[in-house]
Protein backbone atom coordinates (compact mmCIF):
# COMPACT_ATOMS: atom_id res chain seq x y z
CA GLU A 1 17.58 53.59 21.55
CA LYS A 2 19.40 50.86 23.52
CA THR A 3 20.12 47.45 22.39
CA TYR A 4 21.47 44.73 24.57
CA SER A 5 23.03 41.33 24.19
CA ALA A 6 21.64 38.76 26.55
CA LEU A 7 22.13 35.08 27.03
CA VAL A 8 18.93 33.45 28.24
CA VAL A 9 18.75 29.99 29.82
CA GLY A 10 16.88 27.51 27.66
CA ARG A 11 15.83 27.33 23.84
CA TRP A 12 13.76 30.49 23.21
CA PRO A 13 10.73 29.15 21.23
CA PHE A 14 8.99 32.36 20.41
CA GLY A 15 11.02 33.94 17.53
CA VAL A 16 10.91 37.60 17.76
CA LYS A 17 8.77 38.56 20.80
CA LYS A 18 7.59 41.84 22.09
CA ILE A 19 6.95 41.77 25.82
CA ASP A 20 4.60 44.61 26.86
CA LEU A 21 3.96 44.16 30.44
CA PRO A 22 4.00 46.75 33.33
CA LEU A 23 6.50 46.69 36.01
CA LYS A 24 6.17 47.57 39.63
CA THR A 25 9.11 48.04 42.03
CA ASN A 26 8.84 46.68 45.68
CA MET A 27 11.21 47.02 48.43
CA LYS A 28 12.21 43.83 50.36
CA GLN A 29 13.58 43.82 53.81
CA GLY A 30 16.93 45.24 53.94
CA GLY A 31 16.16 47.82 51.28
CA GLU A 32 16.72 45.43 48.21
CA ARG A 33 14.59 46.25 45.37
CA VAL A 34 12.64 43.51 43.63
CA VAL A 35 10.57 44.31 40.41
CA ARG A 36 7.65 42.18 39.27
CA VAL A 37 5.18 42.14 36.42
CA HIS A 38 2.15 43.81 38.01
CA ALA A 39 -0.99 45.58 36.56
CA GLU A 40 -0.44 48.58 38.74
CA GLY A 41 3.03 49.14 37.50
CA GLN A 42 4.62 51.43 35.01
CA SER A 43 4.44 50.45 31.27
CA ALA A 44 7.50 48.59 30.02
CA LEU A 45 8.32 47.30 26.58
CA SER A 46 10.97 44.92 25.52
CA THR A 47 11.65 43.17 22.20
CA PHE A 48 13.62 39.96 22.26
CA THR A 49 15.19 38.58 19.02
CA PRO A 50 16.98 35.15 19.06
CA MET A 51 20.43 35.56 17.49
CA GLN A 52 21.83 31.96 18.15
CA HIS A 53 20.59 28.86 19.84
CA PHE A 54 22.88 26.53 21.79
CA GLY A 55 20.76 23.39 21.87
CA LYS A 56 18.44 23.44 24.65
CA LEU A 57 20.82 25.00 26.94
CA ALA A 58 20.75 28.67 26.23
CA THR A 59 19.83 31.32 23.54
CA LEU A 60 21.73 34.39 22.62
CA MET A 61 19.36 37.35 22.29
CA SER A 62 19.34 40.72 21.00
CA VAL A 63 16.99 42.77 23.20
CA SER A 64 15.85 46.35 22.45
CA ILE A 65 13.86 48.34 25.00
CA GLY A 66 11.11 50.81 24.38
CA THR A 67 11.35 52.15 28.01
CA GLY A 68 14.05 52.01 30.68
CA ARG A 69 12.56 50.66 33.71
CA THR A 70 14.60 49.10 36.66
CA HIS A 71 15.55 45.36 35.79
CA GLN A 72 13.21 45.62 32.83
CA ILE A 73 15.11 43.03 30.55
CA ARG A 74 15.75 40.69 33.54
CA VAL A 75 12.07 40.59 34.72
CA HIS A 76 10.64 40.34 31.28
CA ALA A 77 12.94 37.37 30.41
CA ALA A 78 12.22 35.71 33.64
CA HIS A 79 8.45 36.16 33.24
CA ALA A 80 8.75 34.52 29.70
CA GLY A 81 10.17 31.49 31.46
CA PHE A 82 13.80 32.30 30.18
CA PRO A 83 15.84 34.06 32.65
CA ILE A 84 19.09 35.85 31.88
CA ALA A 85 21.87 33.47 32.49
CA SER A 86 23.47 33.79 35.98
CA ASP A 87 21.11 36.41 37.24
CA GLU A 88 21.18 35.93 40.88
CA LYS A 89 17.98 37.94 41.61
CA TYR A 90 15.50 36.65 38.86
CA GLY A 91 17.38 33.62 37.51
CA ASP A 92 17.35 29.91 37.89
CA ARG A 93 20.32 28.58 39.76
CA ASP A 94 19.78 24.95 38.83
CA ARG A 95 19.77 25.76 35.12
CA ASP A 96 22.80 28.17 35.49
CA ALA A 97 24.95 25.22 36.85
CA LYS A 98 25.97 24.11 33.32
CA LEU A 99 26.85 27.57 32.10
CA ARG A 100 28.97 28.21 35.21
CA GLU A 101 30.87 24.91 34.26
CA LEU A 102 31.46 26.69 30.87
CA GLY A 103 33.07 29.62 32.78
CA LEU A 104 30.17 32.02 33.05
CA LYS A 105 30.91 33.94 36.31
CA ARG A 106 28.36 36.94 36.12
CA MET A 107 25.12 37.86 34.72
CA PHE A 108 25.15 37.66 30.77
CA LEU A 109 23.67 41.06 29.92
CA HIS A 110 25.62 43.52 27.81
CA ALA A 111 24.70 47.03 26.67
CA GLN A 112 25.50 46.47 22.99
CA THR A 113 24.57 49.79 21.27
CA LEU A 114 23.20 53.21 22.15
CA SER A 115 21.67 55.37 19.46
CA PHE A 116 20.32 58.96 19.41
CA GLU A 117 19.77 61.87 17.17
CA ARG A 118 22.01 64.78 17.61
CA PRO A 119 19.98 67.85 18.75
CA ARG A 120 21.39 70.38 16.33
CA SER A 121 22.32 68.44 13.12
CA ARG A 122 19.57 65.82 13.64
CA GLU A 123 22.36 63.32 12.60
CA ARG A 124 22.13 59.77 13.95
CA PHE A 125 24.84 58.94 16.43
CA THR A 126 25.57 55.36 17.47
CA VAL A 127 28.11 53.91 19.96
CA SER A 128 28.66 50.20 20.18
CA ALA A 129 30.57 48.00 22.57
CA PRO A 130 31.89 44.58 21.82
CA LEU A 131 31.18 41.71 24.19
CA SER A 132 33.88 41.47 26.86
CA ASP A 133 36.35 38.64 26.49
CA ASP A 134 34.93 36.53 29.34
CA LEU A 135 31.33 36.66 27.93
CA GLN A 136 32.68 35.82 24.35
CA ILE A 137 34.64 32.78 25.71
CA VAL A 138 31.36 31.43 27.13
CA LEU A 139 29.61 31.79 23.73
CA ASP A 140 32.63 30.06 21.98
CA ARG A 141 32.34 27.19 24.59
CA LEU A 142 28.59 26.87 24.10
CA ALA A 143 29.01 26.80 20.31
CA GLU A 144 31.90 24.16 20.53
CA LEU A 145 29.64 22.03 23.01
CA THR A 146 26.62 22.16 20.89
CA SER A 147 28.40 21.43 17.66
CA LYS A 148 29.81 18.32 19.25
CA ARG A 149 26.46 17.26 20.51
CA GLY A 150 25.01 17.92 16.91
CA ALA A 151 27.72 15.78 15.42
CA ARG A 152 27.33 12.93 17.97
CA SER A 153 23.55 12.87 17.45
CA SER A 154 23.76 12.74 13.64
CA THR A 155 26.44 9.86 13.79
CA GLU A 156 24.30 8.00 16.29
CA SER A 157 21.26 8.05 13.95
CA THR A 158 23.24 6.54 11.06
């Protein structure tokens, strides 16, 4: 079982959402692979769980996958209309601009945990990796920015 942390662009409106759509890999000129949702593709299941909203700008997600297809999370998120932040292949450069201003210099997709059952003992084994400092800084800046906006809008309404 694999779980990822992902920052998607925009305010995710769906709550917990399972995306069960087949994916097909195509080759572009120059040998670059592009994956698309396609009826003739291989089955792919991703479950997106919102962890934290940052206004309308972005949403931090926990994503678990039932399959391990190429670019699966990236394609499913983009297909839902909420691409992974700073995803150069499937993302939205215009909507990524504000996140770049906050210091995001790479795609925000992080392998958070890997769990499996040990073959002999049948014990559950889990390995976790914390977010790297550069991604955590972006989350901290987003939290600060959205808390300032919230404070500003509540004082403006009084």
